Structures are given as structure tokens and as C-alpha cells.
């Protein structure tokens, strides 16, 4: 609950503050400069976090606390400058001071968002999506309500500044409640720790794949276009938006079988429909394309956040991974805004500019999807049912041992029995033990554990179904459940996870023998 509230308050506060900053600056380039500032700040935070994570964990926590404190103070300074400018009627402060205030308001985003990612990364995989969906939709709901309502006894600018500050303070409070050394990571990690972390931690090279980076950047590019601020009509100003967001929240809470693929498909269809079918949908109703765009924007934000949390949750260096993936997201935001700028440069008509830039972004996104879904080696964080897998070297080793046992001297029965026992022990240590540990970590059923071991061998779907005497549909059901619980997206991910656990167990045995 605290994580959901923290997420809703953080993004709600940032978006309300951004709206106040853009209206105060009254510049056509405010959103673009805002994106540039965000990229610079996230890049600096990522570089510093990479250097700090190599130090003592105490220094890591101290660095993070200082970063959040600096961000909050900078945010307060920026909001105070904007509030003063509005209270004086505008035109009092130099433009340079206002641009500096904009930079100050963007500093808080990096440490607070990265911290919340690390907090979400402590959840179990089946809780992350629901919490992220409710929290992000809650942020949209807060921003939409703030956009459509006003208090009679206070100016709109003062209300926006006060609301933004209160929300950011609450976000820091809720985030601090869940942040710990375990959340930040970079701690000693052994096979027994998997049960404590509820996840098999992997090196960053196995988690932050080219497919993940492409999906993050291009999905954020879509968001950068949808939330560019250059489009003439604001979807959040539509009263029906509140009802639609409430319906989405209830659906997210009630749908227990919700998967990130479901959210992704709906986000993609609604966002692209609002772009490509804009002239036709506008004939039906002026509000209809705006509602579709708002739904697509909200769900794309959910997808991007879940992908970032997934990377941090499964990586051995969660803070570094969270900072790096969040940096990729703001780069995508900037690219989406640049697409809108390109559309404006191509046409003076705002509607034509929106259509041109929307088609450019949509075409780029579809091309990206075709490339990564046709190339399983890029390992996108979407579930891909592929027959092409890399099989572990273990079957070859077992076959070699079976040949050696079959070729033993028949007259020496004790030698044959001893080698058979060795083969059984090898099978247990190489396959059963890592699969059992994974099953305990992710709470698999006994049947799912048996299927997991078959998957780890790299056997085909038909072969596994025949071996276990079950139908193909039943086998597919077990595989879907395993993928969901293990938070993986292909059989190759399962094989890699088993290999990683096996290597960690072998290392733990060597360390125990040498102790």
C-alpha cells in the first residue's frame, strides 16, 4: 500500500509541478528544455551511482539519502521561485532565473523515482504489476482531479505549488518506509539468500538486454510524444477521464490473472488508434480520441515502470540497474518530444504537425516491435513462445556418464553399481538441487517443479508432455504458470536461471569445503 501511494504521489506531484513551470515560463520550448534537463540529471545520477556502488554499502545508503535531500530542497526552491513570479503578476524575474527554477524542480525526479523502483523491486513478482498499475493510474487520477478542480480561497498557481510540494513530501515519506540496504542491493549474495530475496538475482548483462533497452526507449518515446505539451487539447481536461481512470483502477484490482503483456497490448492499441485514426475518431466525438490517448498514455506509463522494476528486481545491482533504466526512459521522452518538434517544423498547422509526428513515432515503434519479436536473442521482457532455445551442456555430460557406465566390465558388478550411483548423484546435484531451490524461492507446486526440471533440460514441449503423460494444453498451462511465477519470458530464461543457480550452489559448496 505504501509503495502504491508513494508512486501515485511522486508522479502526481512531478506532473503538477511541471504544469505550473510550463505555464509560468510561457514558452513554446518549455517541455523540450524540461526533457533536456531530465536527461542531464538522470545521466549524472547514473554515473555517480555507478561509482558509489563500488564502495561500502554504508556509503551507498548515505549517498542515496543525500541525493534525495538535495532533490527535495532543489524542488522547494524551484517551486518558491515560480510561486513568487506568479504572485507578482509575471514579468518580474529574469528568464534565466525561471529556467534555473525549472532545472531545480527536475532534480528531485532521479533519486526519488530510482528509490521507489528499488522499493517495488522487493515485492513478489505477482504483486509488482498490480501495485504498479494502481499506483500509476492513481497518479493520473490525482493529476486529472487537480487539473479540473480549484479551491476558491487560493490562487490556482499557489494551489498547484502547494499540492506539488505536499505530494512530493508524501512520496519521499512512503518511499523511505520501504527503502533499506536490501532494496539498494550490492550486498553479499549466496544461494541461500534466494529464499530471502524471493528472486534469483542475475548479472546485469543477463537482465538489461538489448530487447529491454529498445522497449524502454521506444515506449518512453511514445510517452514523450503523447505528453509533449505541444498538442492543442489536454486530455486531462475532459471530465470523462476521471471516470475512465476509476474504471481502469477497479479492473486492475479485480483482475488476478493480469499480466504485463495484457497491459502492453491495450496500451499499444489505444495509443496507436488515437494517433492513426484521429481524423475518423474525431467525426464520432471530439472527446473519444482524447480518452483513448489518455488511456494509452496511462497504460504505457504502467508498462515502462513495470519493465524498470523487473530489471531492478532480477539484477544483482538493483540501484545501478534502476538508475540506468530510468535514464533510458528519459532519453525516450526526449526523443518523443523531438518527434513532435520535427512535425511542427514540417507543418505550420498544429493538427497536421500532430499527425505527422504521431505517424513518425508509431512507425518507429512498430518497426522496433517487429525487430525484437523476430529476434529472440535480443531477449525482450515480453513472453515469447519460441522453439529455438539454447540447451545447457548438462545432457551431453550425462550421456557421457551413461556411456561410461554401459561400457564398464560386467564381471565387476560393484564398479557398475558405484558408477550408477555416481550418475544418480550427479543428476541430483546438477538438475534436481537447483530446480528445488528455485521452486522454494518462487513457491512452485510439485508438478510445476517437475515441469521446471524438464524445461531446464531443454526438452521440447511434445517430449515433456509424453514423458509426464499429460496433454499439450496441460503442459502449456504449467509453463505459463512457471513463467509468471519466475518472472521470465522464454524457456531460454528458465535454462539460464537454472544454470546460474547451479553455479552459485557449486560456489557455495567450494566455499564451505575450504572454510
Foldseek 3Di string as FASTA:
>chain_A
DLLLLLLLLQLLLLVLLLVLLCVQLVDPCSLLLLLVLLLVLLVVVLVVLVVQLVDDLVSNVVVLVVQLVQLLVLLLVLLVVSVVCVVVPHPPDDSVVSSSSSSSNSSNVQSLLLLSLLLLLQDALLVSLLSLLSSLLSNLLSNLVLVADDDPVDDNSVVSSVSSSVSNVSSVVSSVVRGDSVSQFSDDDFLVCLQVSLAAADALPVQVFLQLLLLLLLLLLLLLQLPVPLQDDALSNDPCLNVVSVVSSVCSVPDSPDDLVVLVVLLLVLCLCLQQVVVVVVVVPVNVSSSSSSSSNSSSSSSSSSSLSLSLNRHNRNSSSNSVSVSSSSNSSSNNSVLLVVLCVVDVDSVSSSNRSSVVSSVVVVVSCVVCLVPCVSFHLAAHEDLDADFDCVVVVLVVLVVVLVPDDPVCVVVSVVSVVVSVVCCCLLQVVLLVSSCSSLVNDPVLSLLLSVLLRSDGLVVSCVVVVHDSVVSVVSVVVVCSSNSGRYSNVSNVSSVSSSVSVVVVVVVVVVD
